[in-house]
PDB file of N, CA and C in Angstrom:
ATOM      1  N   MET A   1      34.819  18.326 -57.877  1.00  0.00           N
ATOM      2  CA  MET A   1      36.134  18.028 -57.366  1.00  0.00           C
ATOM      3  C   MET A   1      36.012  17.686 -55.884  1.00  0.00           C
ATOM      4  N   ALA A   2      36.587  16.592 -55.487  1.00  0.00           N
ATOM      5  CA  ALA A   2      36.498  16.121 -54.104  1.00  0.00           C
ATOM      6  C   ALA A   2      37.543  16.810 -53.235  1.00  0.00           C
ATOM      7  N   VAL A   3      37.155  17.017 -51.998  1.00  0.00           N
ATOM      8  CA  VAL A   3      38.069  17.611 -51.023  1.00  0.00           C
ATOM      9  C   VAL A   3      38.759  16.471 -50.288  1.00  0.00           C
ATOM     10  N   PRO A   4      40.087  16.517 -50.180  1.00  0.00           N
ATOM     11  CA  PRO A   4      40.781  15.439 -49.466  1.00  0.00           C
ATOM     12  C   PRO A   4      40.350  15.375 -47.999  1.00  0.00           C
ATOM     13  N   ALA A   5      40.335  14.167 -47.457  1.00  0.00           N
ATOM     14  CA  ALA A   5      39.893  13.970 -46.078  1.00  0.00           C
ATOM     15  C   ALA A   5      40.777  14.714 -45.093  1.00  0.00           C
ATOM     16  N   SER A   6      42.039  14.865 -45.411  1.00  0.00           N
ATOM     17  CA  SER A   6      42.942  15.563 -44.494  1.00  0.00           C
ATOM     18  C   SER A   6      42.573  17.033 -44.351  1.00  0.00           C
ATOM     19  N   ALA A   7      41.904  17.601 -45.333  1.00  0.00           N
ATOM     20  CA  ALA A   7      41.498  19.006 -45.259  1.00  0.00           C
ATOM     21  C   ALA A   7      40.283  19.198 -44.360  1.00  0.00           C
ATOM     22  N   LEU A   8      39.575  18.133 -44.036  1.00  0.00           N
ATOM     23  CA  LEU A   8      38.374  18.230 -43.232  1.00  0.00           C
ATOM     24  C   LEU A   8      38.608  17.897 -41.765  1.00  0.00           C
ATOM     25  N   THR A   9      39.813  17.492 -41.415  1.00  0.00           N
ATOM     26  CA  THR A   9      40.074  17.150 -40.029  1.00  0.00           C
ATOM     27  C   THR A   9      40.487  18.397 -39.248  1.00  0.00           C
ATOM     28  N   ILE A  10      40.158  18.386 -37.991  1.00  0.00           N
ATOM     29  CA  ILE A  10      40.508  19.510 -37.121  1.00  0.00           C
ATOM     30  C   ILE A  10      41.956  19.334 -36.690  1.00  0.00           C
ATOM     31  N   THR A  11      42.759  20.331 -36.992  1.00  0.00           N
ATOM     32  CA  THR A  11      44.176  20.247 -36.660  1.00  0.00           C
ATOM     33  C   THR A  11      44.529  21.000 -35.394  1.00  0.00           C
ATOM     34  N   ARG A  12      43.707  21.972 -35.036  1.00  0.00           N
ATOM     35  CA  ARG A  12      43.967  22.712 -33.801  1.00  0.00           C
ATOM     36  C   ARG A  12      42.650  23.265 -33.280  1.00  0.00           C
ATOM     37  N   GLU A  13      42.666  23.642 -32.018  1.00  0.00           N
ATOM     38  CA  GLU A  13      41.481  24.204 -31.397  1.00  0.00           C
ATOM     39  C   GLU A  13      41.675  25.705 -31.211  1.00  0.00           C
ATOM     40  N   SER A  14      40.618  26.432 -31.378  1.00  0.00           N
ATOM     41  CA  SER A  14      40.673  27.881 -31.261  1.00  0.00           C
ATOM     42  C   SER A  14      41.024  28.304 -29.841  1.00  0.00           C
ATOM     43  N   GLU A  15      42.071  29.121 -29.720  1.00  0.00           N
ATOM     44  CA  GLU A  15      42.468  29.633 -28.410  1.00  0.00           C
ATOM     45  C   GLU A  15      41.419  30.608 -27.874  1.00  0.00           C
ATOM     46  N   ASP A  16      40.763  31.334 -28.774  1.00  0.00           N
ATOM     47  CA  ASP A  16      39.720  32.263 -28.346  1.00  0.00           C
ATOM     48  C   ASP A  16      38.529  31.530 -27.743  1.00  0.00           C
ATOM     49  N   ALA A  17      38.207  30.358 -28.284  1.00  0.00           N
ATOM     50  CA  ALA A  17      37.085  29.584 -27.737  1.00  0.00           C
ATOM     51  C   ALA A  17      37.401  29.114 -26.328  1.00  0.00           C
ATOM     52  N   THR A  18      38.606  28.635 -26.112  1.00  0.00           N
ATOM     53  CA  THR A  18      39.017  28.200 -24.782  1.00  0.00           C
ATOM     54  C   THR A  18      39.019  29.369 -23.815  1.00  0.00           C
ATOM     55  N   ARG A  19      39.553  30.506 -24.250  1.00  0.00           N
ATOM     56  CA  ARG A  19      39.594  31.695 -23.400  1.00  0.00           C
ATOM     57  C   ARG A  19      38.182  32.178 -23.071  1.00  0.00           C
ATOM     58  N   ALA A  20      37.293  32.129 -24.057  1.00  0.00           N
ATOM     59  CA  ALA A  20      35.916  32.575 -23.839  1.00  0.00           C
ATOM     60  C   ALA A  20      35.219  31.717 -22.785  1.00  0.00           C
ATOM     61  N   LEU A  21      35.402  30.420 -22.861  1.00  0.00           N
ATOM     62  CA  LEU A  21      34.755  29.532 -21.896  1.00  0.00           C
ATOM     63  C   LEU A  21      35.326  29.741 -20.491  1.00  0.00           C
ATOM     64  N   ARG A  22      36.638  29.910 -20.404  1.00  0.00           N
ATOM     65  CA  ARG A  22      37.253  30.168 -19.100  1.00  0.00           C
ATOM     66  C   ARG A  22      36.742  31.471 -18.503  1.00  0.00           C
ATOM     67  N   LEU A  23      36.647  32.504 -19.328  1.00  0.00           N
ATOM     68  CA  LEU A  23      36.151  33.786 -18.842  1.00  0.00           C
ATOM     69  C   LEU A  23      34.685  33.691 -18.414  1.00  0.00           C
ATOM     70  N   ALA A  24      33.899  32.935 -19.162  1.00  0.00           N
ATOM     71  CA  ALA A  24      32.486  32.782 -18.810  1.00  0.00           C
ATOM     72  C   ALA A  24      32.341  32.119 -17.447  1.00  0.00           C
ATOM     73  N   PHE A  25      33.127  31.077 -17.192  1.00  0.00           N
ATOM     74  CA  PHE A  25      33.063  30.412 -15.888  1.00  0.00           C
ATOM     75  C   PHE A  25      33.637  31.291 -14.787  1.00  0.00           C
ATOM     76  N   LEU A  26      34.665  32.049 -15.083  1.00  0.00           N
ATOM     77  CA  LEU A  26      35.230  32.962 -14.100  1.00  0.00           C
ATOM     78  C   LEU A  26      34.202  34.014 -13.696  1.00  0.00           C
ATOM     79  N   GLY A  27      33.415  34.463 -14.651  1.00  0.00           N
ATOM     80  CA  GLY A  27      32.400  35.464 -14.378  1.00  0.00           C
ATOM     81  C   GLY A  27      31.325  34.995 -13.418  1.00  0.00           C
ATOM     82  N   ILE A  28      31.127  33.688 -13.328  1.00  0.00           N
ATOM     83  CA  ILE A  28      30.151  33.148 -12.379  1.00  0.00           C
ATOM     84  C   ILE A  28      30.579  33.469 -10.952  1.00  0.00           C
ATOM     85  N   PHE A  29      31.874  33.441 -10.701  1.00  0.00           N
ATOM     86  CA  PHE A  29      32.387  33.566  -9.348  1.00  0.00           C
ATOM     87  C   PHE A  29      32.832  34.977  -8.975  1.00  0.00           C
ATOM     88  N   CYS A  30      33.280  35.756  -9.936  1.00  0.00           N
ATOM     89  CA  CYS A  30      33.744  37.101  -9.573  1.00  0.00           C
ATOM     90  C   CYS A  30      33.694  38.042 -10.774  1.00  0.00           C
ATOM     91  N   PHE A  31      33.298  39.265 -10.508  1.00  0.00           N
ATOM     92  CA  PHE A  31      33.297  40.355 -11.483  1.00  0.00           C
ATOM     93  C   PHE A  31      32.608  39.993 -12.800  1.00  0.00           C
ATOM     94  N   GLY A  32      31.424  39.427 -12.701  1.00  0.00           N
ATOM     95  CA  GLY A  32      30.689  39.003 -13.888  1.00  0.00           C
ATOM     96  C   GLY A  32      30.388  40.134 -14.850  1.00  0.00           C
ATOM     97  N   PHE A  33      30.120  41.325 -14.319  1.00  0.00           N
ATOM     98  CA  PHE A  33      29.786  42.453 -15.186  1.00  0.00           C
ATOM     99  C   PHE A  33      30.982  42.944 -15.986  1.00  0.00           C
ATOM    100  N   ILE A  34      32.199  42.565 -15.594  1.00  0.00           N
ATOM    101  CA  ILE A  34      33.403  42.929 -16.349  1.00  0.00           C
ATOM    102  C   ILE A  34      33.843  41.773 -17.240  1.00  0.00           C
ATOM    103  N   VAL A  35      33.831  40.576 -16.691  1.00  0.00           N
ATOM    104  CA  VAL A  35      34.388  39.411 -17.382  1.00  0.00           C
ATOM    105  C   VAL A  35      33.448  38.864 -18.454  1.00  0.00           C
ATOM    106  N   ALA A  36      32.143  38.921 -18.227  1.00  0.00           N
ATOM    107  CA  ALA A  36      31.186  38.353 -19.184  1.00  0.00           C
ATOM    108  C   ALA A  36      31.243  39.027 -20.560  1.00  0.00           C
ATOM    109  N   PRO A  37      31.315  40.351 -20.656  1.00  0.00           N
ATOM    110  CA  PRO A  37      31.452  40.945 -21.997  1.00  0.00           C
ATOM    111  C   PRO A  37      32.743  40.529 -22.710  1.00  0.00           C
ATOM    112  N   MET A  38      33.800  40.330 -21.920  1.00  0.00           N
ATOM    113  CA  MET A  38      35.048  39.853 -22.525  1.00  0.00           C
ATOM    114  C   MET A  38      34.870  38.444 -23.072  1.00  0.00           C
ATOM    115  N   ALA A  39      34.121  37.607 -22.355  1.00  0.00           N
ATOM    116  CA  ALA A  39      33.855  36.245 -22.803  1.00  0.00           C
ATOM    117  C   ALA A  39      33.002  36.239 -24.066  1.00  0.00           C
ATOM    118  N   ILE A  40      32.018  37.109 -24.119  1.00  0.00           N
ATOM    119  CA  ILE A  40      31.161  37.193 -25.306  1.00  0.00           C
ATOM    120  C   ILE A  40      31.982  37.617 -26.516  1.00  0.00           C
ATOM    121  N   SER A  41      32.828  38.606 -26.332  1.00  0.00           N
ATOM    122  CA  SER A  41      33.671  39.081 -27.430  1.00  0.00           C
ATOM    123  C   SER A  41      34.614  37.985 -27.926  1.00  0.00           C
ATOM    124  N   ALA A  42      35.243  37.280 -26.998  1.00  0.00           N
ATOM    125  CA  ALA A  42      36.159  36.203 -27.380  1.00  0.00           C
ATOM    126  C   ALA A  42      35.415  35.071 -28.088  1.00  0.00           C
ATOM    127  N   ALA A  43      34.208  34.764 -27.635  1.00  0.00           N
ATOM    128  CA  ALA A  43      33.426  33.695 -28.261  1.00  0.00           C
ATOM    129  C   ALA A  43      33.024  34.073 -29.687  1.00  0.00           C
ATOM    130  N   LEU A  44      32.632  35.312 -29.888  1.00  0.00           N
ATOM    131  CA  LEU A  44      32.273  35.745 -31.247  1.00  0.00           C
ATOM    132  C   LEU A  44      33.485  35.742 -32.172  1.00  0.00           C
ATOM    133  N   THR A  45      34.634  36.132 -31.649  1.00  0.00           N
ATOM    134  CA  THR A  45      35.870  36.080 -32.431  1.00  0.00           C
ATOM    135  C   THR A  45      36.212  34.637 -32.793  1.00  0.00           C
ATOM    136  N   ALA A  46      36.042  33.737 -31.836  1.00  0.00           N
ATOM    137  CA  ALA A  46      36.319  32.317 -32.082  1.00  0.00           C
ATOM    138  C   ALA A  46      35.387  31.754 -33.146  1.00  0.00           C
ATOM    139  N   ARG A  47      34.107  32.111 -33.073  1.00  0.00           N
ATOM    140  CA  ARG A  47      33.161  31.605 -34.080  1.00  0.00           C
ATOM    141  C   ARG A  47      33.524  32.095 -35.476  1.00  0.00           C
ATOM    142  N   LYS A  48      33.977  33.336 -35.584  1.00  0.00           N
ATOM    143  CA  LYS A  48      34.406  33.846 -36.892  1.00  0.00           C
ATOM    144  C   LYS A  48      35.622  33.084 -37.393  1.00  0.00           C
ATOM    145  N   GLU A  49      36.578  32.837 -36.491  1.00  0.00           N
ATOM    146  CA  GLU A  49      37.787  32.102 -36.866  1.00  0.00           C
ATOM    147  C   GLU A  49      37.448  30.682 -37.311  1.00  0.00           C
ATOM    148  N   ILE A  50      36.556  30.038 -36.585  1.00  0.00           N
ATOM    149  CA  ILE A  50      36.168  28.663 -36.913  1.00  0.00           C
ATOM    150  C   ILE A  50      35.397  28.630 -38.229  1.00  0.00           C
ATOM    151  N   GLY A  51      34.596  29.640 -38.486  1.00  0.00           N
ATOM    152  CA  GLY A  51      33.856  29.709 -39.742  1.00  0.00           C
ATOM    153  C   GLY A  51      34.757  29.922 -40.952  1.00  0.00           C
ATOM    154  N   ARG A  52      35.845  30.654 -40.762  1.00  0.00           N
ATOM    155  CA  ARG A  52      36.772  30.905 -41.868  1.00  0.00           C
ATOM    156  C   ARG A  52      37.635  29.708 -42.208  1.00  0.00           C
ATOM    157  N   ASP A  53      38.030  28.930 -41.185  1.00  0.00           N
ATOM    158  CA  ASP A  53      38.971  27.835 -41.379  1.00  0.00           C
ATOM    159  C   ASP A  53      38.363  26.544 -40.843  1.00  0.00           C
ATOM    160  N   ALA A  54      38.132  25.600 -41.725  1.00  0.00           N
ATOM    161  CA  ALA A  54      37.477  24.340 -41.346  1.00  0.00           C
ATOM    162  C   ALA A  54      38.373  23.434 -40.513  1.00  0.00           C
ATOM    163  N   THR A  55      39.658  23.726 -40.449  1.00  0.00           N
ATOM    164  CA  THR A  55      40.561  22.881 -39.670  1.00  0.00           C
ATOM    165  C   THR A  55      40.680  23.332 -38.220  1.00  0.00           C
ATOM    166  N   VAL A  56      39.962  24.387 -37.851  1.00  0.00           N
ATOM    167  CA  VAL A  56      39.997  24.895 -36.478  1.00  0.00           C
ATOM    168  C   VAL A  56      38.761  24.397 -35.742  1.00  0.00           C
ATOM    169  N   GLY A  57      38.977  23.828 -34.562  1.00  0.00           N
ATOM    170  CA  GLY A  57      37.875  23.318 -33.754  1.00  0.00           C
ATOM    171  C   GLY A  57      37.565  24.230 -32.592  1.00  0.00           C
ATOM    172  N   GLY A  58      36.605  23.842 -31.780  1.00  0.00           N
ATOM    173  CA  GLY A  58      36.247  24.597 -30.592  1.00  0.00           C
ATOM    174  C   GLY A  58      34.903  25.287 -30.683  1.00  0.00           C
ATOM    175  N   LEU A  59      34.106  24.914 -31.665  1.00  0.00           N
ATOM    176  CA  LEU A  59      32.798  25.552 -31.827  1.00  0.00           C
ATOM    177  C   LEU A  59      31.901  25.301 -30.616  1.00  0.00           C
ATOM    178  N   GLY A  60      31.982  24.122 -30.042  1.00  0.00           N
ATOM    179  CA  GLY A  60      31.177  23.811 -28.868  1.00  0.00           C
ATOM    180  C   GLY A  60      31.535  24.697 -27.687  1.00  0.00           C
ATOM    181  N   LYS A  61      32.824  24.937 -27.498  1.00  0.00           N
ATOM    182  CA  LYS A  61      33.258  25.815 -26.405  1.00  0.00           C
ATOM    183  C   LYS A  61      32.780  27.238 -26.641  1.00  0.00           C
ATOM    184  N   ALA A  62      32.887  27.706 -27.865  1.00  0.00           N
ATOM    185  CA  ALA A  62      32.442  29.063 -28.186  1.00  0.00           C
ATOM    186  C   ALA A  62      30.935  29.201 -27.982  1.00  0.00           C
ATOM    187  N   ASN A  63      30.173  28.208 -28.401  1.00  0.00           N
ATOM    188  CA  ASN A  63      28.719  28.258 -28.222  1.00  0.00           C
ATOM    189  C   ASN A  63      28.339  28.188 -26.748  1.00  0.00           C
ATOM    190  N   ALA A  64      29.052  27.360 -25.987  1.00  0.00           N
ATOM    191  CA  ALA A  64      28.774  27.272 -24.551  1.00  0.00           C
ATOM    192  C   ALA A  64      29.054  28.608 -23.869  1.00  0.00           C
ATOM    193  N   ALA A  65      30.139  29.245 -24.257  1.00  0.00           N
ATOM    194  CA  ALA A  65      30.470  30.555 -23.686  1.00  0.00           C
ATOM    195  C   ALA A  65      29.404  31.585 -24.042  1.00  0.00           C
ATOM    196  N   LEU A  66      28.843  31.469 -25.253  1.00  0.00           N
ATOM    197  CA  LEU A  66      27.788  32.403 -25.658  1.00  0.00           C
ATOM    198  C   LEU A  66      26.465  32.140 -24.937  1.00  0.00           C
ATOM    199  N   LEU A  67      26.308  30.983 -24.353  1.00  0.00           N
ATOM    200  CA  LEU A  67      25.125  30.708 -23.532  1.00  0.00           C
ATOM    201  C   LEU A  67      25.350  31.141 -22.085  1.00  0.00           C
ATOM    202  N   ILE A  68      26.532  30.893 -21.564  1.00  0.00           N
ATOM    203  CA  ILE A  68      26.813  31.153 -20.164  1.00  0.00           C
ATOM    204  C   ILE A  68      27.048  32.637 -19.901  1.00  0.00           C
ATOM    205  N   ALA A  69      27.871  33.279 -20.727  1.00  0.00           N
ATOM    206  CA  ALA A  69      28.286  34.665 -20.459  1.00  0.00           C
ATOM    207  C   ALA A  69      27.121  35.660 -20.403  1.00  0.00           C
ATOM    208  N   PRO A  70      26.160  35.628 -21.314  1.00  0.00           N
ATOM    209  CA  PRO A  70      25.045  36.577 -21.181  1.00  0.00           C
ATOM    210  C   PRO A  70      24.216  36.345 -19.906  1.00  0.00           C
ATOM    211  N   ALA A  71      24.052  35.081 -19.528  1.00  0.00           N
ATOM    212  CA  ALA A  71      23.321  34.787 -18.295  1.00  0.00           C
ATOM    213  C   ALA A  71      24.081  35.326 -17.082  1.00  0.00           C
ATOM    214  N   VAL A  72      25.391  35.165 -17.092  1.00  0.00           N
ATOM    215  CA  VAL A  72      26.221  35.694 -16.011  1.00  0.00           C
ATOM    216  C   VAL A  72      26.129  37.209 -15.970  1.00  0.00           C
ATOM    217  N   LEU A  73      26.169  37.835 -17.118  1.00  0.00           N
ATOM    218  CA  LEU A  73      26.088  39.296 -17.187  1.00  0.00           C
ATOM    219  C   LEU A  73      24.757  39.797 -16.626  1.00  0.00           C
ATOM    220  N   ILE A  74      23.682  39.181 -17.043  1.00  0.00           N
ATOM    221  CA  ILE A  74      22.358  39.596 -16.567  1.00  0.00           C
ATOM    222  C   ILE A  74      22.242  39.397 -15.057  1.00  0.00           C
ATOM    223  N   MET A  75      22.669  38.243 -14.567  1.00  0.00           N
ATOM    224  CA  MET A  75      22.562  37.971 -13.137  1.00  0.00           C
ATOM    225  C   MET A  75      23.442  38.901 -12.311  1.00  0.00           C
ATOM    226  N   SER A  76      24.630  39.221 -12.802  1.00  0.00           N
ATOM    227  CA  SER A  76      25.489  40.116 -12.033  1.00  0.00           C
ATOM    228  C   SER A  76      24.926  41.535 -12.016  1.00  0.00           C
ATOM    229  N   LEU A  77      24.339  41.968 -13.121  1.00  0.00           N
ATOM    230  CA  LEU A  77      23.736  43.298 -13.148  1.00  0.00           C
ATOM    231  C   LEU A  77      22.494  43.370 -12.254  1.00  0.00           C
ATOM    232  N   VAL A  78      21.691  42.315 -12.265  1.00  0.00           N
ATOM    233  CA  VAL A  78      20.521  42.269 -11.378  1.00  0.00           C
ATOM    234  C   VAL A  78      20.980  42.285  -9.922  1.00  0.00           C
ATOM    235  N   GLY A  79      22.025  41.549  -9.614  1.00  0.00           N
ATOM    236  CA  GLY A  79      22.560  41.540  -8.256  1.00  0.00           C
ATOM    237  C   GLY A  79      23.088  42.899  -7.832  1.00  0.00           C
ATOM    238  N   MET A  80      23.752  43.606  -8.742  1.00  0.00           N
ATOM    239  CA  MET A  80      24.253  44.945  -8.420  1.00  0.00           C
ATOM    240  C   MET A  80      23.107  45.907  -8.149  1.00  0.00           C
ATOM    241  N   VAL A  81      22.085  45.848  -8.986  1.00  0.00           N
ATOM    242  CA  VAL A  81      20.932  46.732  -8.793  1.00  0.00           C
ATOM    243  C   VAL A  81      20.248  46.418  -7.475  1.00  0.00           C
ATOM    244  N   ALA A  82      20.115  45.137  -7.141  1.00  0.00           N
ATOM    245  CA  ALA A  82      19.483  44.748  -5.894  1.00  0.00           C
ATOM    246  C   ALA A  82      20.295  45.232  -4.690  1.00  0.00           C
ATOM    247  N   ARG A  83      21.601  45.175  -4.789  1.00  0.00           N
ATOM    248  CA  ARG A  83      22.442  45.652  -3.681  1.00  0.00           C
ATOM    249  C   ARG A  83      22.327  47.167  -3.536  1.00  0.00           C
ATOM    250  N   ILE A  84      22.272  47.858  -4.652  1.00  0.00           N
ATOM    251  CA  ILE A  84      22.148  49.321  -4.607  1.00  0.00           C
ATOM    252  C   ILE A  84      20.804  49.719  -4.000  1.00  0.00           C
ATOM    253  N   LYS A  85      19.755  49.024  -4.366  1.00  0.00           N
ATOM    254  CA  LYS A  85      18.422  49.321  -3.847  1.00  0.00           C
ATOM    255  C   LYS A  85      18.252  48.861  -2.397  1.00  0.00           C
ATOM    256  N   GLY A  86      19.155  48.065  -1.893  1.00  0.00           N
ATOM    257  CA  GLY A  86      19.091  47.615  -0.512  1.00  0.00           C
ATOM    258  C   GLY A  86      18.344  46.322  -0.299  1.00  0.00           C
ATOM    259  N   ALA A  87      18.038  45.612  -1.363  1.00  0.00           N
ATOM    260  CA  ALA A  87      17.301  44.360  -1.222  1.00  0.00           C
ATOM    261  C   ALA A  87      18.196  43.228  -0.720  1.00  0.00           C
ATOM    262  N   LEU A  88      19.494  43.321  -0.991  1.00  0.00           N
ATOM    263  CA  LEU A  88      20.425  42.290  -0.557  1.00  0.00           C
ATOM    264  C   LEU A  88      21.431  42.906   0.415  1.00  0.00           C
ATOM    265  N   PRO A  89      21.932  42.091   1.342  1.00  0.00           N
ATOM    266  CA  PRO A  89      22.934  42.620   2.288  1.00  0.00           C
ATOM    267  C   PRO A  89      24.267  42.870   1.635  1.00  0.00           C
TER     268      PRO A  89
END
């Protein structure tokens, strides 16, 4: 049985994917150790939503957030440790 073409088109974009990407970029500039886990959580939620419903788009945004947010988290934690140890001003 064939699936109609209208069922395969993206009708809306995942709000969680957009939120995840925004949070990931926000984490680059401020409070990365707080914002990055929120971005990771939102991106994983978006990927689940996109996997359940083929008419929801935003997989690229969710994947980008999953690449950026962990890097931001690691860098912010390394920076905090360096500041505590006195390596950075």
